[in-house]
Amino acid sequence: MNRTCTPTKSGKIRAGALHLTQKVDYGLFLLAILAKNDSTLPISISVVSKNNHLSFSFLQKVANLLKRADIIMSVRGKDGGYRLSKDPASIRLKDIIEALEGPTQIARCIGFKSGIEDQCPRASFCMVRSGVERMNQEIQDFYLAKRLTDFLS
């Protein structure tokens, strides 16, 4: 049996080591709904939440982070809600992930390039650091190449 998610001892389903967080999952889902909306009318978070069985408060938090990153915009008023602030083809996966989770960094030592290497006890003799840095760059390049439109079906 091939499984993409495995249950933990507590019975919760756990994704693999490299996985999209729930914030990114909600963010992509919200952005896909906004992108598929042909109308210029905004879409309410409460409607998205109810229609798709998503936590309203968590979705609202995700929407606020995407708004702060200028990926979506809010419209106030009776018929208010959110809509994309850019063309879906110009929204990069990297922008979405970084808006919701911060910089892409697959290992703590990757962030030590700014002269703070003494925080990593193995920095001076690490045999895998350059390989990890290359892998991190490849992931960033992949994220840069993917657009919101790549996730729309």
N, C-alpha and C. Protein backbone atom coordinates (compact mmCIF):
# COMPACT_ATOMS: atom_id res chain seq x y z
N MET A 1 0.84 -1.17 0.00
CA MET A 1 0.00 0.00 0.00
C MET A 1 0.89 1.24 0.00
N ASN A 2 0.65 2.15 -0.93
CA ASN A 2 1.42 3.37 -1.03
C ASN A 2 0.69 4.50 -0.30
N ARG A 3 1.30 5.08 0.69
CA ARG A 3 0.68 6.16 1.45
C ARG A 3 1.50 7.42 1.32
N THR A 4 0.83 8.54 1.20
CA THR A 4 1.54 9.81 1.19
C THR A 4 1.56 10.44 2.58
N CYS A 5 0.67 10.04 3.44
CA CYS A 5 0.62 10.53 4.81
C CYS A 5 0.57 9.33 5.74
N THR A 6 1.27 9.42 6.86
CA THR A 6 1.27 8.32 7.80
C THR A 6 0.73 8.78 9.14
N PRO A 7 -0.04 7.93 9.80
CA PRO A 7 -0.56 8.31 11.12
C PRO A 7 0.55 8.25 12.17
N THR A 8 0.50 9.18 13.13
CA THR A 8 1.43 9.16 14.25
C THR A 8 0.88 8.24 15.31
N LYS A 9 1.62 8.07 16.42
CA LYS A 9 1.15 7.23 17.51
C LYS A 9 -0.18 7.71 18.06
N SER A 10 -0.40 9.02 18.02
CA SER A 10 -1.66 9.57 18.53
C SER A 10 -2.81 9.40 17.55
N GLY A 11 -2.52 8.90 16.34
CA GLY A 11 -3.56 8.69 15.35
C GLY A 11 -3.72 9.85 14.37
N LYS A 12 -2.99 10.96 14.60
CA LYS A 12 -3.07 12.09 13.68
C LYS A 12 -2.32 11.75 12.39
N ILE A 13 -2.82 12.28 11.30
CA ILE A 13 -2.16 12.06 10.02
C ILE A 13 -1.02 13.07 9.90
N ARG A 14 0.15 12.59 9.52
CA ARG A 14 1.33 13.44 9.42
C ARG A 14 1.89 13.32 8.01
N ALA A 15 2.20 14.46 7.41
CA ALA A 15 2.82 14.45 6.09
C ALA A 15 4.30 14.17 6.24
N GLY A 16 4.98 14.05 5.13
CA GLY A 16 6.42 13.78 5.16
C GLY A 16 7.21 14.97 5.63
N ALA A 17 8.54 14.85 5.56
CA ALA A 17 9.43 15.88 6.08
C ALA A 17 9.24 17.21 5.36
N LEU A 18 9.16 17.20 4.06
CA LEU A 18 8.91 18.43 3.32
C LEU A 18 7.44 18.43 2.91
N HIS A 19 6.68 19.30 3.52
CA HIS A 19 5.25 19.34 3.22
C HIS A 19 4.74 20.78 3.29
N LEU A 20 3.60 21.01 2.68
CA LEU A 20 2.97 22.31 2.77
C LEU A 20 2.26 22.40 4.12
N THR A 21 2.45 23.51 4.79
CA THR A 21 1.78 23.70 6.07
C THR A 21 0.30 23.96 5.84
N GLN A 22 -0.46 23.93 6.92
CA GLN A 22 -1.88 24.20 6.82
C GLN A 22 -2.13 25.63 6.35
N LYS A 23 -1.26 26.56 6.76
CA LYS A 23 -1.41 27.95 6.30
C LYS A 23 -1.28 28.03 4.79
N VAL A 24 -0.27 27.35 4.25
CA VAL A 24 -0.05 27.38 2.80
C VAL A 24 -1.19 26.66 2.09
N ASP A 25 -1.66 25.56 2.65
CA ASP A 25 -2.79 24.83 2.08
C ASP A 25 -4.01 25.74 2.01
N TYR A 26 -4.36 26.39 3.11
CA TYR A 26 -5.49 27.32 3.12
C TYR A 26 -5.25 28.48 2.16
N GLY A 27 -4.03 28.99 2.14
CA GLY A 27 -3.71 30.10 1.25
C GLY A 27 -3.89 29.75 -0.21
N LEU A 28 -3.36 28.61 -0.61
CA LEU A 28 -3.52 28.18 -2.01
C LEU A 28 -4.99 27.96 -2.35
N PHE A 29 -5.72 27.38 -1.42
CA PHE A 29 -7.14 27.11 -1.64
C PHE A 29 -7.90 28.43 -1.82
N LEU A 30 -7.66 29.38 -0.93
CA LEU A 30 -8.32 30.69 -1.02
C LEU A 30 -7.94 31.39 -2.32
N LEU A 31 -6.67 31.38 -2.65
CA LEU A 31 -6.22 32.05 -3.87
C LEU A 31 -6.81 31.40 -5.12
N ALA A 32 -6.94 30.08 -5.11
CA ALA A 32 -7.55 29.38 -6.25
C ALA A 32 -9.00 29.80 -6.41
N ILE A 33 -9.72 29.91 -5.30
CA ILE A 33 -11.13 30.35 -5.37
C ILE A 33 -11.21 31.77 -5.91
N LEU A 34 -10.34 32.65 -5.42
CA LEU A 34 -10.35 34.04 -5.90
C LEU A 34 -9.95 34.12 -7.37
N ALA A 35 -9.00 33.28 -7.79
CA ALA A 35 -8.56 33.29 -9.18
C ALA A 35 -9.64 32.78 -10.12
N LYS A 36 -10.40 31.80 -9.68
CA LYS A 36 -11.47 31.24 -10.52
C LYS A 36 -12.70 32.14 -10.59
N ASN A 37 -12.78 33.10 -9.70
CA ASN A 37 -13.90 34.03 -9.68
C ASN A 37 -13.74 34.99 -10.86
N ASP A 38 -14.55 34.83 -11.88
CA ASP A 38 -14.46 35.68 -13.06
C ASP A 38 -14.92 37.10 -12.79
N SER A 39 -15.72 37.26 -11.80
CA SER A 39 -16.29 38.56 -11.48
C SER A 39 -15.28 39.44 -10.76
N THR A 40 -15.47 40.72 -10.85
CA THR A 40 -14.63 41.64 -10.09
C THR A 40 -15.20 41.82 -8.68
N LEU A 41 -16.33 41.15 -8.40
CA LEU A 41 -16.89 41.23 -7.06
C LEU A 41 -16.03 40.46 -6.07
N PRO A 42 -15.82 41.03 -4.90
CA PRO A 42 -15.01 40.32 -3.90
C PRO A 42 -15.78 39.13 -3.32
N ILE A 43 -15.03 38.23 -2.71
CA ILE A 43 -15.61 37.03 -2.10
C ILE A 43 -15.39 37.10 -0.60
N SER A 44 -16.43 36.84 0.14
CA SER A 44 -16.38 36.88 1.59
C SER A 44 -15.66 35.66 2.17
N ILE A 45 -14.83 35.90 3.16
CA ILE A 45 -14.13 34.80 3.84
C ILE A 45 -15.14 33.88 4.52
N SER A 46 -16.21 34.45 5.06
CA SER A 46 -17.20 33.60 5.73
C SER A 46 -17.88 32.66 4.74
N VAL A 47 -18.12 33.12 3.52
CA VAL A 47 -18.71 32.27 2.49
C VAL A 47 -17.74 31.16 2.10
N VAL A 48 -16.46 31.52 1.89
CA VAL A 48 -15.45 30.52 1.53
C VAL A 48 -15.34 29.49 2.66
N SER A 49 -15.32 29.98 3.88
CA SER A 49 -15.20 29.12 5.05
C SER A 49 -16.36 28.13 5.14
N LYS A 50 -17.58 28.64 5.04
CA LYS A 50 -18.77 27.78 5.16
C LYS A 50 -18.89 26.80 4.00
N ASN A 51 -18.69 27.28 2.79
CA ASN A 51 -18.86 26.42 1.62
C ASN A 51 -17.80 25.32 1.49
N ASN A 52 -16.67 25.51 2.17
CA ASN A 52 -15.57 24.57 2.01
C ASN A 52 -15.13 23.93 3.33
N HIS A 53 -15.93 24.11 4.37
CA HIS A 53 -15.68 23.50 5.68
C HIS A 53 -14.29 23.83 6.21
N LEU A 54 -13.94 25.12 6.17
CA LEU A 54 -12.65 25.59 6.66
C LEU A 54 -12.87 26.46 7.90
N SER A 55 -11.90 26.49 8.77
CA SER A 55 -11.97 27.34 9.96
C SER A 55 -12.00 28.81 9.54
N PHE A 56 -13.04 29.52 9.93
CA PHE A 56 -13.16 30.93 9.57
C PHE A 56 -12.00 31.74 10.14
N SER A 57 -11.70 31.57 11.43
CA SER A 57 -10.67 32.40 12.06
C SER A 57 -9.29 32.13 11.45
N PHE A 58 -9.00 30.87 11.15
CA PHE A 58 -7.71 30.55 10.54
C PHE A 58 -7.64 31.09 9.11
N LEU A 59 -8.72 30.96 8.36
CA LEU A 59 -8.76 31.48 6.99
C LEU A 59 -8.63 33.00 6.99
N GLN A 60 -9.23 33.65 7.97
CA GLN A 60 -9.13 35.11 8.09
C GLN A 60 -7.68 35.51 8.37
N LYS A 61 -6.99 34.76 9.22
CA LYS A 61 -5.58 35.03 9.52
C LYS A 61 -4.74 34.87 8.26
N VAL A 62 -5.01 33.82 7.49
CA VAL A 62 -4.28 33.58 6.24
C VAL A 62 -4.55 34.72 5.26
N ALA A 63 -5.81 35.14 5.16
CA ALA A 63 -6.17 36.24 4.25
C ALA A 63 -5.45 37.53 4.65
N ASN A 64 -5.34 37.79 5.94
CA ASN A 64 -4.64 38.99 6.39
C ASN A 64 -3.16 38.96 6.02
N LEU A 65 -2.53 37.80 6.13
CA LEU A 65 -1.13 37.67 5.74
C LEU A 65 -0.95 37.86 4.23
N LEU A 66 -1.86 37.32 3.44
CA LEU A 66 -1.80 37.48 1.99
C LEU A 66 -2.06 38.94 1.60
N LYS A 67 -2.92 39.59 2.34
CA LYS A 67 -3.20 41.02 2.09
C LYS A 67 -1.97 41.86 2.42
N ARG A 68 -1.35 41.57 3.54
CA ARG A 68 -0.14 42.30 3.94
C ARG A 68 0.96 42.16 2.89
N ALA A 69 0.99 41.03 2.19
CA ALA A 69 1.99 40.79 1.14
C ALA A 69 1.54 41.33 -0.21
N ASP A 70 0.39 41.98 -0.26
CA ASP A 70 -0.17 42.57 -1.48
C ASP A 70 -0.47 41.52 -2.55
N ILE A 71 -0.87 40.33 -2.11
CA ILE A 71 -1.28 39.29 -3.04
C ILE A 71 -2.78 39.36 -3.25
N ILE A 72 -3.51 39.72 -2.20
CA ILE A 72 -4.95 39.96 -2.30
C ILE A 72 -5.25 41.33 -1.72
N MET A 73 -6.45 41.79 -2.01
CA MET A 73 -6.90 43.08 -1.46
C MET A 73 -8.27 42.90 -0.85
N SER A 74 -8.56 43.72 0.12
CA SER A 74 -9.88 43.64 0.76
C SER A 74 -10.76 44.78 0.25
N VAL A 75 -12.04 44.49 0.21
CA VAL A 75 -13.03 45.48 -0.18
C VAL A 75 -14.04 45.57 0.97
N ARG A 76 -14.21 46.77 1.48
CA ARG A 76 -15.13 46.96 2.61
C ARG A 76 -16.56 47.13 2.13
N GLY A 77 -17.47 46.99 3.05
CA GLY A 77 -18.87 47.25 2.73
C GLY A 77 -19.73 46.01 2.81
N LYS A 78 -21.01 46.24 2.54
CA LYS A 78 -22.00 45.17 2.61
C LYS A 78 -21.64 43.98 1.73
N ASP A 79 -21.19 44.24 0.55
CA ASP A 79 -20.79 43.18 -0.38
C ASP A 79 -19.28 43.04 -0.44
N GLY A 80 -18.61 43.31 0.66
CA GLY A 80 -17.16 43.28 0.71
C GLY A 80 -16.60 41.87 0.77
N GLY A 81 -15.31 41.81 0.80
CA GLY A 81 -14.60 40.55 0.85
C GLY A 81 -13.20 40.73 0.31
N TYR A 82 -12.70 39.71 -0.35
CA TYR A 82 -11.33 39.75 -0.89
C TYR A 82 -11.34 39.43 -2.36
N ARG A 83 -10.34 39.95 -3.05
CA ARG A 83 -10.08 39.58 -4.44
C ARG A 83 -8.58 39.68 -4.68
N LEU A 84 -8.13 39.06 -5.74
CA LEU A 84 -6.71 39.10 -6.06
C LEU A 84 -6.29 40.53 -6.38
N SER A 85 -5.09 40.90 -5.99
CA SER A 85 -4.59 42.22 -6.33
C SER A 85 -3.67 42.17 -7.55
N LYS A 86 -3.43 40.94 -8.05
CA LYS A 86 -2.56 40.74 -9.21
C LYS A 86 -3.16 39.68 -10.12
N ASP A 87 -2.63 39.61 -11.30
CA ASP A 87 -2.99 38.55 -12.23
C ASP A 87 -2.48 37.22 -11.66
N PRO A 88 -3.31 36.16 -11.66
CA PRO A 88 -2.87 34.87 -11.11
C PRO A 88 -1.57 34.34 -11.72
N ALA A 89 -1.32 34.65 -12.97
CA ALA A 89 -0.09 34.18 -13.63
C ALA A 89 1.15 34.88 -13.10
N SER A 90 0.96 36.00 -12.42
CA SER A 90 2.13 36.72 -11.88
C SER A 90 2.38 36.42 -10.40
N ILE A 91 1.50 35.64 -9.78
CA ILE A 91 1.67 35.31 -8.36
C ILE A 91 2.50 34.04 -8.26
N ARG A 92 3.71 34.18 -7.72
CA ARG A 92 4.63 33.06 -7.60
C ARG A 92 4.37 32.27 -6.32
N LEU A 93 4.59 30.97 -6.38
CA LEU A 93 4.46 30.12 -5.21
C LEU A 93 5.39 30.61 -4.10
N LYS A 94 6.57 31.07 -4.45
CA LYS A 94 7.52 31.59 -3.46
C LYS A 94 6.91 32.76 -2.70
N ASP A 95 6.21 33.66 -3.40
CA ASP A 95 5.59 34.81 -2.74
C ASP A 95 4.51 34.35 -1.75
N ILE A 96 3.74 33.35 -2.15
CA ILE A 96 2.67 32.83 -1.29
C ILE A 96 3.27 32.20 -0.03
N ILE A 97 4.23 31.32 -0.22
CA ILE A 97 4.84 30.63 0.91
C ILE A 97 5.52 31.61 1.85
N GLU A 98 6.27 32.55 1.30
CA GLU A 98 6.97 33.50 2.16
C GLU A 98 6.02 34.46 2.86
N ALA A 99 4.90 34.78 2.24
CA ALA A 99 3.90 35.63 2.90
C ALA A 99 3.31 34.92 4.11
N LEU A 100 3.16 33.62 4.00
CA LEU A 100 2.49 32.85 5.05
C LEU A 100 3.44 32.22 6.07
N GLU A 101 4.65 31.87 5.64
CA GLU A 101 5.55 31.13 6.52
C GLU A 101 6.92 31.76 6.71
N GLY A 102 7.25 32.78 5.94
CA GLY A 102 8.59 33.35 6.03
C GLY A 102 9.51 32.74 5.00
N PRO A 103 10.79 33.10 5.06
CA PRO A 103 11.74 32.65 4.04
C PRO A 103 11.88 31.13 3.98
N THR A 104 12.17 30.65 2.78
CA THR A 104 12.41 29.23 2.58
C THR A 104 13.79 28.89 3.15
N GLN A 105 13.79 27.98 4.09
CA GLN A 105 15.04 27.60 4.73
C GLN A 105 14.87 26.17 5.23
N ILE A 106 15.48 25.21 4.54
CA ILE A 106 15.25 23.81 4.90
C ILE A 106 16.08 23.34 6.09
N ALA A 107 17.08 24.12 6.46
CA ALA A 107 17.88 23.79 7.64
C ALA A 107 18.25 25.09 8.35
N ARG A 108 18.38 25.03 9.65
CA ARG A 108 18.69 26.24 10.42
C ARG A 108 19.99 26.89 9.98
N CYS A 109 20.97 26.11 9.61
CA CYS A 109 22.29 26.67 9.28
C CYS A 109 22.28 27.53 8.01
N ILE A 110 21.28 27.37 7.17
CA ILE A 110 21.21 28.16 5.94
C ILE A 110 21.10 29.64 6.25
N GLY A 111 20.48 29.98 7.35
CA GLY A 111 20.31 31.38 7.72
C GLY A 111 21.53 32.01 8.35
N PHE A 112 22.62 31.26 8.49
CA PHE A 112 23.79 31.79 9.20
C PHE A 112 24.81 32.44 8.28
N LYS A 113 24.43 32.81 7.08
CA LYS A 113 25.38 33.40 6.14
C LYS A 113 25.76 34.83 6.50
N SER A 114 25.04 35.46 7.39
CA SER A 114 25.27 36.87 7.67
C SER A 114 26.23 37.08 8.84
N GLY A 115 27.24 36.23 8.97
CA GLY A 115 28.25 36.43 9.99
C GLY A 115 27.87 35.91 11.37
N ILE A 116 26.80 35.16 11.47
CA ILE A 116 26.38 34.65 12.77
C ILE A 116 26.64 33.14 12.81
N GLU A 117 27.64 32.68 12.09
CA GLU A 117 27.90 31.25 11.96
C GLU A 117 28.22 30.57 13.28
N ASP A 118 28.65 31.34 14.28
CA ASP A 118 28.98 30.73 15.56
C ASP A 118 27.76 30.13 16.25
N GLN A 119 26.56 30.42 15.75
CA GLN A 119 25.35 29.82 16.31
C GLN A 119 25.24 28.34 15.94
N CYS A 120 25.91 27.95 14.89
CA CYS A 120 25.92 26.54 14.50
C CYS A 120 27.24 25.94 14.96
N PRO A 121 27.20 24.98 15.87
CA PRO A 121 28.44 24.42 16.40
C PRO A 121 29.28 23.68 15.37
N ARG A 122 28.69 23.29 14.24
CA ARG A 122 29.43 22.54 13.22
C ARG A 122 29.79 23.39 12.00
N ALA A 123 29.56 24.69 12.05
CA ALA A 123 29.74 25.54 10.88
C ALA A 123 31.13 25.44 10.27
N SER A 124 32.16 25.35 11.07
CA SER A 124 33.53 25.35 10.54
C SER A 124 33.94 24.03 9.91
N PHE A 125 33.25 22.95 10.22
CA PHE A 125 33.67 21.65 9.68
C PHE A 125 32.52 20.82 9.09
N CYS A 126 31.36 21.42 8.89
CA CYS A 126 30.20 20.69 8.37
C CYS A 126 30.46 20.18 6.95
N MET A 127 30.25 18.90 6.75
CA MET A 127 30.51 18.28 5.45
C MET A 127 29.30 18.33 4.51
N VAL A 128 28.13 18.67 5.03
CA VAL A 128 26.93 18.63 4.19
C VAL A 128 26.35 20.02 3.92
N ARG A 129 26.91 21.04 4.53
CA ARG A 129 26.32 22.37 4.42
C ARG A 129 26.20 22.85 2.97
N SER A 130 27.23 22.68 2.17
CA SER A 130 27.16 23.17 0.79
C SER A 130 26.08 22.42 0.01
N GLY A 131 25.93 21.13 0.27
CA GLY A 131 24.87 20.35 -0.39
C GLY A 131 23.49 20.81 0.05
N VAL A 132 23.34 21.10 1.33
CA VAL A 132 22.06 21.58 1.85
C VAL A 132 21.76 22.97 1.27
N GLU A 133 22.78 23.80 1.16
CA GLU A 133 22.57 25.13 0.55
C GLU A 133 22.12 25.00 -0.90
N ARG A 134 22.74 24.07 -1.65
CA ARG A 134 22.34 23.85 -3.05
C ARG A 134 20.89 23.36 -3.12
N MET A 135 20.53 22.43 -2.24
CA MET A 135 19.17 21.91 -2.24
C MET A 135 18.18 23.04 -1.89
N ASN A 136 18.52 23.86 -0.93
CA ASN A 136 17.66 24.98 -0.56
C ASN A 136 17.47 25.92 -1.75
N GLN A 137 18.54 26.17 -2.49
CA GLN A 137 18.45 27.05 -3.66
C GLN A 137 17.59 26.41 -4.76
N GLU A 138 17.72 25.11 -4.94
CA GLU A 138 16.90 24.41 -5.94
C GLU A 138 15.42 24.49 -5.58
N ILE A 139 15.11 24.37 -4.30
CA ILE A 139 13.72 24.49 -3.85
C ILE A 139 13.22 25.90 -4.10
N GLN A 140 14.04 26.90 -3.78
CA GLN A 140 13.64 28.29 -4.03
C GLN A 140 13.43 28.53 -5.52
N ASP A 141 14.31 27.98 -6.36
CA ASP A 141 14.15 28.14 -7.81
C ASP A 141 12.84 27.50 -8.29
N PHE A 142 12.52 26.33 -7.72
CA PHE A 142 11.26 25.65 -8.06
C PHE A 142 10.08 26.53 -7.66
N TYR A 143 10.11 27.06 -6.44
CA TYR A 143 9.04 27.94 -5.96
C TYR A 143 8.90 29.19 -6.83
N LEU A 144 10.02 29.70 -7.32
CA LEU A 144 9.99 30.88 -8.19
C LEU A 144 9.35 30.56 -9.54
N ALA A 145 9.56 29.34 -10.01
CA ALA A 145 9.06 28.95 -11.34
C ALA A 145 7.56 28.64 -11.34
N LYS A 146 7.01 28.27 -10.19
CA LYS A 146 5.59 27.91 -10.11
C LYS A 146 4.74 29.15 -9.87
N ARG A 147 3.61 29.21 -10.55
CA ARG A 147 2.67 30.33 -10.43
C ARG A 147 1.34 29.81 -9.90
N LEU A 148 0.53 30.71 -9.44
CA LEU A 148 -0.80 30.33 -8.93
C LEU A 148 -1.57 29.57 -10.01
N THR A 149 -1.42 29.97 -11.26
CA THR A 149 -2.14 29.31 -12.35
C THR A 149 -1.76 27.84 -12.49
N ASP A 150 -0.58 27.45 -12.00
CA ASP A 150 -0.17 26.04 -12.05
C ASP A 150 -1.00 25.18 -11.11
N PHE A 151 -1.71 25.78 -10.17
CA PHE A 151 -2.49 25.05 -9.18
C PHE A 151 -3.98 25.05 -9.49
N LEU A 152 -4.37 25.69 -10.55
CA LEU A 152 -5.79 25.77 -10.90
C LEU A 152 -6.15 24.62 -11.82
N SER A 153 -7.25 23.94 -11.51
CA SER A 153 -7.65 22.83 -12.38
C SER A 153 -8.94 23.14 -13.08
